[in-house]
Amino acid sequence: MPIFVLDVGCGIRKQPGAIGIDRNPASRPDVLVDLDQFPYPFADNSFDRITAIHVIEHLNDVIRAMEEFHRLLRPGGTLRIETPHYTDYSSFCDPTHKNHLNSFSFRY
C-alpha cells in the first residue's frame, strides 16, 4: 500500500513523492494554498506522514495548524516539524517569523 505524504510549505525543495502545498506560486507546489486558511483542501485522515520544515513559525495560528495536521493524519500517522528554537538568533533574524517556539510549545 502506498504511503501518502504531505509536505506543508514545501518551497522549491519538495520531498520526492510527497504532495507539496505552499502559498508561494514560485515554489511550484502541487497545490497552491494560503497556509493560514483552514481547512486545507484534503479529506480527513488523508496522509500517513506530514512534514512542516521551517514553516509553523511563519503561520498566524500554530494551534489551529496543529489541529489541521491532526485532522489530516491517518491514525498512527507521523508528523515531523522543524522550527528554529526561540533562543537561536535565527529565530529573531527573519522578519517573517510570527512565532518563537520551544519544546514546550508542542505540549498542546
N, C-alpha and C. Protein backbone atom coordinates (compact mmCIF):
# COMPACT_ATOMS: atom_id res chain seq x y z
N MET A 1 0.85 -1.17 0.00
CA MET A 1 0.00 0.00 0.00
C MET A 1 0.90 1.24 0.00
N PRO A 2 0.61 2.22 -0.84
CA PRO A 2 1.46 3.42 -0.90
C PRO A 2 1.32 4.26 0.37
N ILE A 3 2.38 4.98 0.68
CA ILE A 3 2.39 5.91 1.80
C ILE A 3 2.13 7.30 1.23
N PHE A 4 1.19 8.01 1.82
CA PHE A 4 0.83 9.34 1.36
C PHE A 4 1.45 10.37 2.29
N VAL A 5 2.25 11.26 1.69
CA VAL A 5 3.00 12.26 2.45
C VAL A 5 2.56 13.65 2.00
N LEU A 6 2.33 14.53 2.98
CA LEU A 6 2.03 15.93 2.71
C LEU A 6 3.21 16.77 3.18
N ASP A 7 3.75 17.57 2.28
CA ASP A 7 4.87 18.46 2.58
C ASP A 7 4.31 19.88 2.66
N VAL A 8 4.07 20.34 3.89
CA VAL A 8 3.46 21.65 4.13
C VAL A 8 4.54 22.73 4.01
N GLY A 9 4.28 23.72 3.19
CA GLY A 9 5.27 24.77 2.96
C GLY A 9 6.48 24.22 2.24
N CYS A 10 6.22 23.45 1.20
CA CYS A 10 7.26 22.67 0.52
C CYS A 10 8.38 23.51 -0.06
N GLY A 11 8.10 24.74 -0.42
CA GLY A 11 9.14 25.56 -1.05
C GLY A 11 9.61 24.93 -2.35
N ILE A 12 10.82 25.26 -2.75
CA ILE A 12 11.34 24.75 -4.02
C ILE A 12 11.97 23.37 -3.88
N ARG A 13 12.05 22.85 -2.66
CA ARG A 13 12.67 21.54 -2.43
C ARG A 13 11.66 20.54 -1.88
N LYS A 14 10.58 20.37 -2.61
CA LYS A 14 9.55 19.42 -2.19
C LYS A 14 10.14 18.03 -2.06
N GLN A 15 9.69 17.32 -1.02
CA GLN A 15 10.14 15.94 -0.83
C GLN A 15 9.68 15.09 -2.01
N PRO A 16 10.56 14.26 -2.53
CA PRO A 16 10.18 13.37 -3.63
C PRO A 16 9.01 12.47 -3.21
N GLY A 17 8.01 12.39 -4.06
CA GLY A 17 6.87 11.54 -3.81
C GLY A 17 5.79 12.15 -2.94
N ALA A 18 6.06 13.31 -2.35
CA ALA A 18 5.08 13.96 -1.48
C ALA A 18 4.16 14.87 -2.29
N ILE A 19 3.03 15.19 -1.70
CA ILE A 19 2.17 16.24 -2.22
C ILE A 19 2.62 17.52 -1.53
N GLY A 20 3.06 18.48 -2.31
CA GLY A 20 3.56 19.73 -1.75
C GLY A 20 2.52 20.82 -1.79
N ILE A 21 2.35 21.50 -0.64
CA ILE A 21 1.48 22.67 -0.60
C ILE A 21 2.31 23.86 -0.14
N ASP A 22 2.02 25.00 -0.73
CA ASP A 22 2.75 26.21 -0.37
C ASP A 22 1.90 27.40 -0.78
N ARG A 23 2.19 28.55 -0.17
CA ARG A 23 1.46 29.77 -0.51
C ARG A 23 2.14 30.55 -1.62
N ASN A 24 3.36 30.19 -1.93
CA ASN A 24 4.16 30.92 -2.91
C ASN A 24 4.11 30.21 -4.27
N PRO A 25 3.50 30.83 -5.27
CA PRO A 25 3.43 30.18 -6.58
C PRO A 25 4.80 29.92 -7.20
N ALA A 26 5.81 30.70 -6.83
CA ALA A 26 7.15 30.49 -7.37
C ALA A 26 7.74 29.16 -6.91
N SER A 27 7.20 28.60 -5.83
CA SER A 27 7.65 27.29 -5.34
C SER A 27 7.15 26.15 -6.21
N ARG A 28 6.16 26.45 -7.04
CA ARG A 28 5.54 25.46 -7.91
C ARG A 28 5.02 24.26 -7.12
N PRO A 29 4.21 24.51 -6.08
CA PRO A 29 3.67 23.40 -5.30
C PRO A 29 2.64 22.62 -6.11
N ASP A 30 2.34 21.42 -5.64
CA ASP A 30 1.26 20.65 -6.27
C ASP A 30 -0.08 21.34 -6.06
N VAL A 31 -0.25 21.93 -4.87
CA VAL A 31 -1.48 22.64 -4.55
C VAL A 31 -1.09 23.99 -3.95
N LEU A 32 -1.55 25.05 -4.57
CA LEU A 32 -1.29 26.40 -4.07
C LEU A 32 -2.34 26.71 -3.00
N VAL A 33 -1.87 26.96 -1.78
CA VAL A 33 -2.76 27.12 -0.63
C VAL A 33 -2.27 28.27 0.24
N ASP A 34 -3.19 29.09 0.72
CA ASP A 34 -2.83 30.04 1.78
C ASP A 34 -2.74 29.21 3.06
N LEU A 35 -1.54 29.02 3.57
CA LEU A 35 -1.33 28.11 4.70
C LEU A 35 -1.97 28.61 5.99
N ASP A 36 -2.44 29.85 6.01
CA ASP A 36 -3.15 30.38 7.18
C ASP A 36 -4.66 30.22 7.06
N GLN A 37 -5.14 29.65 5.96
CA GLN A 37 -6.58 29.44 5.76
C GLN A 37 -6.90 27.96 5.92
N PHE A 38 -7.78 27.66 6.86
CA PHE A 38 -8.16 26.28 7.15
C PHE A 38 -9.63 26.09 6.82
N PRO A 39 -10.02 24.88 6.46
CA PRO A 39 -9.20 23.67 6.33
C PRO A 39 -8.44 23.65 5.01
N TYR A 40 -7.38 22.86 5.00
CA TYR A 40 -6.65 22.63 3.75
C TYR A 40 -7.52 21.72 2.87
N PRO A 41 -7.33 21.73 1.57
CA PRO A 41 -8.26 21.06 0.65
C PRO A 41 -8.04 19.54 0.52
N PHE A 42 -8.05 18.87 1.67
CA PHE A 42 -7.89 17.41 1.69
C PHE A 42 -8.88 16.83 2.69
N ALA A 43 -9.28 15.60 2.44
CA ALA A 43 -10.22 14.91 3.34
C ALA A 43 -9.53 14.52 4.64
N ASP A 44 -10.32 14.29 5.66
CA ASP A 44 -9.81 13.78 6.94
C ASP A 44 -9.02 12.50 6.71
N ASN A 45 -7.99 12.30 7.53
CA ASN A 45 -7.21 11.05 7.52
C ASN A 45 -6.62 10.72 6.15
N SER A 46 -6.16 11.72 5.44
CA SER A 46 -5.64 11.52 4.08
C SER A 46 -4.17 11.12 4.02
N PHE A 47 -3.40 11.38 5.09
CA PHE A 47 -1.95 11.24 4.98
C PHE A 47 -1.36 10.35 6.07
N ASP A 48 -0.35 9.59 5.67
CA ASP A 48 0.40 8.76 6.61
C ASP A 48 1.49 9.57 7.30
N ARG A 49 1.95 10.61 6.62
CA ARG A 49 3.02 11.45 7.17
C ARG A 49 2.81 12.88 6.71
N ILE A 50 3.06 13.80 7.63
CA ILE A 50 3.04 15.23 7.30
C ILE A 50 4.36 15.82 7.78
N THR A 51 4.98 16.62 6.93
CA THR A 51 6.18 17.34 7.33
C THR A 51 5.92 18.84 7.19
N ALA A 52 6.48 19.58 8.13
CA ALA A 52 6.41 21.04 8.10
C ALA A 52 7.79 21.53 8.56
N ILE A 53 8.68 21.70 7.63
CA ILE A 53 10.07 22.05 7.92
C ILE A 53 10.24 23.56 7.78
N HIS A 54 10.49 24.20 8.90
CA HIS A 54 10.65 25.66 8.97
C HIS A 54 9.45 26.37 8.34
N VAL A 55 8.26 25.97 8.83
CA VAL A 55 7.01 26.52 8.32
C VAL A 55 6.18 27.15 9.43
N ILE A 56 5.98 26.43 10.54
CA ILE A 56 4.98 26.89 11.51
C ILE A 56 5.33 28.21 12.17
N GLU A 57 6.61 28.56 12.20
CA GLU A 57 6.97 29.85 12.78
C GLU A 57 6.47 31.01 11.92
N HIS A 58 6.06 30.71 10.69
CA HIS A 58 5.55 31.73 9.78
C HIS A 58 4.02 31.83 9.80
N LEU A 59 3.35 30.90 10.47
CA LEU A 59 1.89 30.85 10.45
C LEU A 59 1.28 31.74 11.53
N ASN A 60 0.09 32.24 11.26
CA ASN A 60 -0.60 33.10 12.22
C ASN A 60 -1.07 32.35 13.45
N ASP A 61 -1.54 31.11 13.28
CA ASP A 61 -2.15 30.36 14.38
C ASP A 61 -1.57 28.95 14.43
N VAL A 62 -0.56 28.78 15.26
CA VAL A 62 0.12 27.48 15.37
C VAL A 62 -0.83 26.41 15.90
N ILE A 63 -1.66 26.76 16.86
CA ILE A 63 -2.58 25.77 17.43
C ILE A 63 -3.56 25.29 16.36
N ARG A 64 -4.11 26.19 15.60
CA ARG A 64 -5.04 25.79 14.53
C ARG A 64 -4.33 24.93 13.49
N ALA A 65 -3.09 25.26 13.18
CA ALA A 65 -2.31 24.44 12.24
C ALA A 65 -2.12 23.04 12.79
N MET A 66 -1.80 22.92 14.08
CA MET A 66 -1.62 21.60 14.69
C MET A 66 -2.93 20.81 14.64
N GLU A 67 -4.03 21.47 14.89
CA GLU A 67 -5.33 20.80 14.79
C GLU A 67 -5.59 20.32 13.36
N GLU A 68 -5.20 21.12 12.40
CA GLU A 68 -5.38 20.73 10.99
C GLU A 68 -4.49 19.55 10.64
N PHE A 69 -3.26 19.55 11.11
CA PHE A 69 -2.38 18.40 10.87
C PHE A 69 -2.99 17.14 11.47
N HIS A 70 -3.55 17.26 12.67
CA HIS A 70 -4.19 16.11 13.32
C HIS A 70 -5.36 15.60 12.48
N ARG A 71 -6.15 16.51 11.95
CA ARG A 71 -7.29 16.13 11.12
C ARG A 71 -6.84 15.38 9.87
N LEU A 72 -5.75 15.81 9.28
CA LEU A 72 -5.29 15.23 8.02
C LEU A 72 -4.55 13.91 8.18
N LEU A 73 -3.97 13.68 9.37
CA LEU A 73 -3.20 12.45 9.58
C LEU A 73 -4.10 11.25 9.81
N ARG A 74 -3.72 10.14 9.22
CA ARG A 74 -4.40 8.88 9.50
C ARG A 74 -4.02 8.42 10.90
N PRO A 75 -4.85 7.58 11.53
CA PRO A 75 -4.46 7.03 12.84
C PRO A 75 -3.10 6.32 12.71
N GLY A 76 -2.20 6.63 13.63
CA GLY A 76 -0.86 6.05 13.59
C GLY A 76 0.10 6.81 12.69
N GLY A 77 -0.38 7.88 12.05
CA GLY A 77 0.47 8.67 11.17
C GLY A 77 1.51 9.45 11.95
N THR A 78 2.49 9.98 11.23
CA THR A 78 3.56 10.73 11.89
C THR A 78 3.59 12.17 11.38
N LEU A 79 3.98 13.05 12.29
CA LEU A 79 4.12 14.46 11.99
C LEU A 79 5.55 14.86 12.33
N ARG A 80 6.23 15.46 11.37
CA ARG A 80 7.59 15.94 11.59
C ARG A 80 7.60 17.45 11.42
N ILE A 81 7.99 18.13 12.50
CA ILE A 81 8.07 19.58 12.48
C ILE A 81 9.49 19.98 12.85
N GLU A 82 10.04 20.89 12.09
CA GLU A 82 11.31 21.52 12.44
C GLU A 82 11.08 23.02 12.44
N THR A 83 11.61 23.67 13.47
CA THR A 83 11.48 25.12 13.60
C THR A 83 12.65 25.64 14.41
N PRO A 84 13.09 26.86 14.19
CA PRO A 84 14.19 27.37 15.00
C PRO A 84 13.77 27.48 16.47
N HIS A 85 14.66 27.12 17.37
CA HIS A 85 14.41 27.28 18.80
C HIS A 85 14.40 28.77 19.12
N TYR A 86 13.56 29.17 20.04
CA TYR A 86 13.41 30.60 20.31
C TYR A 86 14.69 31.26 20.81
N THR A 87 15.63 30.48 21.34
CA THR A 87 16.89 31.07 21.82
C THR A 87 17.92 31.24 20.71
N ASP A 88 17.67 30.66 19.57
CA ASP A 88 18.59 30.77 18.44
C ASP A 88 18.41 32.14 17.78
N TYR A 89 19.50 32.80 17.50
CA TYR A 89 19.40 34.14 16.90
C TYR A 89 18.62 34.12 15.59
N SER A 90 18.68 33.00 14.86
CA SER A 90 17.97 32.94 13.58
C SER A 90 16.46 33.03 13.76
N SER A 91 15.98 32.69 14.95
CA SER A 91 14.55 32.80 15.22
C SER A 91 14.08 34.25 15.13
N PHE A 92 14.96 35.16 15.49
CA PHE A 92 14.59 36.58 15.52
C PHE A 92 15.08 37.36 14.30
N CYS A 93 15.96 36.78 13.52
CA CYS A 93 16.54 37.50 12.37
C CYS A 93 15.61 37.57 11.17
N ASP A 94 14.67 36.66 11.08
CA ASP A 94 13.78 36.62 9.93
C ASP A 94 12.51 37.40 10.27
N PRO A 95 12.26 38.51 9.61
CA PRO A 95 11.08 39.31 9.94
C PRO A 95 9.75 38.63 9.60
N THR A 96 9.80 37.52 8.87
CA THR A 96 8.55 36.80 8.56
C THR A 96 8.19 35.79 9.64
N HIS A 97 9.03 35.62 10.66
CA HIS A 97 8.70 34.72 11.77
C HIS A 97 7.66 35.41 12.66
N LYS A 98 6.53 34.77 12.79
CA LYS A 98 5.45 35.29 13.62
C LYS A 98 5.43 34.64 15.00
N ASN A 99 6.09 33.50 15.14
CA ASN A 99 6.09 32.74 16.39
C ASN A 99 7.51 32.32 16.73
N HIS A 100 7.82 32.35 18.01
CA HIS A 100 9.11 31.90 18.51
C HIS A 100 8.81 30.74 19.45
N LEU A 101 9.25 29.55 19.08
CA LEU A 101 8.80 28.32 19.72
C LEU A 101 9.93 27.59 20.42
N ASN A 102 9.54 26.72 21.35
CA ASN A 102 10.48 25.82 22.00
C ASN A 102 9.79 24.48 22.22
N SER A 103 10.45 23.56 22.88
CA SER A 103 9.88 22.21 23.05
C SER A 103 8.57 22.23 23.84
N PHE A 104 8.36 23.20 24.70
CA PHE A 104 7.12 23.28 25.46
C PHE A 104 5.95 23.75 24.60
N SER A 105 6.25 24.39 23.50
CA SER A 105 5.20 24.90 22.62
C SER A 105 4.33 23.78 22.05
N PHE A 106 4.84 22.57 22.02
CA PHE A 106 4.13 21.47 21.39
C PHE A 106 3.42 20.57 22.39
N ARG A 107 3.29 21.01 23.62
CA ARG A 107 2.59 20.20 24.63
C ARG A 107 1.09 20.41 24.59
N TYR A 108 0.63 21.21 23.68
CA TYR A 108 -0.80 21.43 23.50
C TYR A 108 -1.44 20.14 23.13
